[in-house]
């Protein structure tokens, strides 16, 4: 698949990094799962299944039941990139997830993260 190398990275490799980032700041795996499910439309069981299958990020987002209609409300900078300006839809979805996890790690209330 052409595109950025991150697209071929297994979601099961990235997921623990999201959890570690959150837990280092006193947040929980449950909160990370809630954010991922809110963004993608996966149920918690479906999320576990995707992690177990070892699919790459491109497949993870392609299989997502329904991206949350409020994703356009996610604004800001992550890794020096303004998420709302990312043109590639897959990369934008990855950046949305990165941004939400960053907000969690920075102590933002889960109710405010889930716009």
Protein backbone atom coordinates (compact mmCIF):
# COMPACT_ATOMS: atom_id res chain seq x y z
CA UNK A 1 0.00 0.00 0.00
CA UNK A 2 1.52 3.34 -0.97
CA UNK A 3 1.71 6.07 1.60
CA UNK A 4 3.32 6.77 4.90
CA UNK A 5 5.05 3.83 6.64
CA UNK A 6 2.82 4.30 9.71
CA UNK A 7 -0.13 3.02 7.64
CA UNK A 8 1.41 -0.47 7.62
CA UNK A 9 2.17 -0.45 11.36
CA UNK A 10 0.11 -2.94 13.35
CA UNK A 11 -2.50 -1.30 15.55
CA UNK A 12 -1.57 -3.88 18.20
CA UNK A 13 1.93 -2.29 18.29
CA UNK A 14 0.61 1.28 18.63
CA UNK A 15 -2.17 0.57 21.14
CA UNK A 16 0.16 -0.28 24.07
CA UNK A 17 1.99 3.00 23.48
CA UNK A 18 -1.27 4.91 23.82
CA UNK A 19 -2.03 3.05 27.05
CA UNK A 20 1.49 3.63 28.44
CA UNK A 21 1.31 7.34 27.65
CA UNK A 22 -2.02 7.63 29.45
CA UNK A 23 -1.00 5.49 32.44
CA UNK A 24 2.22 7.48 32.95
CA UNK A 25 -0.02 10.49 33.54
CA UNK A 26 -2.38 8.69 35.91
CA UNK A 27 -5.06 7.83 33.36
CA UNK A 28 -6.41 4.35 32.60
CA UNK A 29 -6.59 1.78 29.81
CA UNK A 30 -10.38 2.02 30.13
CA UNK A 31 -10.23 5.73 29.26
CA UNK A 32 -8.01 4.99 26.24
CA UNK A 33 -10.49 2.34 25.09
CA UNK A 34 -13.41 4.75 25.57
CA UNK A 35 -11.68 7.34 23.38
CA UNK A 36 -10.85 4.82 20.64
CA UNK A 37 -14.40 3.46 20.64
CA UNK A 38 -15.89 6.97 20.57
CA UNK A 39 -13.71 7.93 17.61
CA UNK A 40 -14.10 4.76 15.53
CA UNK A 41 -17.47 3.31 16.46
CA UNK A 42 -15.96 -0.01 17.57
CA UNK A 43 -17.46 -1.65 20.63
CA UNK A 44 -15.00 -2.65 23.35
CA UNK A 45 -15.28 -6.29 22.22
CA UNK A 46 -14.67 -5.31 18.59
CA UNK A 47 -11.68 -3.23 19.66
CA UNK A 48 -10.19 -6.24 21.47
CA UNK A 49 -10.79 -8.35 18.36
CA UNK A 50 -8.98 -5.84 16.14
CA UNK A 51 -6.03 -5.76 18.54
CA UNK A 52 -5.93 -9.57 18.56
CA UNK A 53 -5.97 -9.80 14.78
CA UNK A 54 -2.85 -7.66 14.46
CA UNK A 55 -4.24 -5.60 11.59
CA UNK A 56 -2.36 -2.54 10.40
CA UNK A 57 -3.57 1.01 11.02
CA UNK A 58 -4.95 1.32 7.49
CA UNK A 59 -7.09 -1.78 8.00
CA UNK A 60 -8.06 -0.77 11.54
CA UNK A 61 -9.50 2.52 10.33
CA UNK A 62 -10.96 1.01 7.13
CA UNK A 63 -12.90 -1.52 9.24
CA UNK A 64 -14.09 1.10 11.73
CA UNK A 65 -17.87 0.85 11.94
CA UNK A 66 -18.39 4.62 11.83
CA UNK A 67 -16.05 7.50 12.53
CA UNK A 68 -17.68 9.81 15.03
CA UNK A 69 -19.54 12.64 13.29
CA UNK A 70 -17.91 15.13 15.68
CA UNK A 71 -14.35 14.47 14.48
CA UNK A 72 -14.38 17.85 12.74
CA UNK A 73 -14.45 19.41 16.22
CA UNK A 74 -11.00 17.93 16.97
CA UNK A 75 -8.57 20.79 16.45
CA UNK A 76 -5.04 21.54 17.48
CA UNK A 77 -1.46 20.48 16.99
CA UNK A 78 0.04 17.05 17.54
CA UNK A 79 3.67 16.28 16.68
CA UNK A 80 3.95 19.75 15.16
CA UNK A 81 1.09 19.15 12.73
CA UNK A 82 -2.28 20.89 12.85
CA UNK A 83 -4.71 17.94 12.70
CA UNK A 84 -7.46 19.78 10.87
CA UNK A 85 -5.04 20.62 8.02
CA UNK A 86 -3.94 17.03 7.29
CA UNK A 87 -5.13 16.21 3.76
CA UNK A 88 -4.83 12.40 3.67
CA UNK A 89 -7.98 10.98 5.33
CA UNK A 90 -6.17 8.03 6.90
CA UNK A 91 -3.37 10.17 8.29
CA UNK A 92 -5.95 12.65 9.58
CA UNK A 93 -7.75 9.84 11.45
CA UNK A 94 -4.46 8.68 12.95
CA UNK A 95 -3.69 12.27 14.01
CA UNK A 96 -7.18 12.63 15.50
CA UNK A 97 -6.51 9.60 17.68
CA UNK A 98 -3.06 10.93 18.62
CA UNK A 99 -4.60 14.28 19.57
CA UNK A 100 -7.29 12.70 21.73
CA UNK A 101 -4.75 10.55 23.58
CA UNK A 102 -2.55 13.64 24.08
CA UNK A 103 -5.48 15.48 25.60
CA UNK A 104 -6.13 12.55 27.94
CA UNK A 105 -2.47 12.45 29.00
CA UNK A 106 -2.53 16.20 29.63
CA UNK A 107 -5.32 15.77 32.15
CA UNK A 108 -8.31 16.95 30.16
CA UNK A 109 -11.63 15.61 31.43
CA UNK A 110 -12.95 12.67 29.39
CA UNK A 111 -16.27 14.51 28.92
CA UNK A 112 -14.44 17.36 27.17
CA UNK A 113 -12.30 15.02 25.07
CA UNK A 114 -15.41 13.28 23.74
CA UNK A 115 -16.72 16.48 22.17
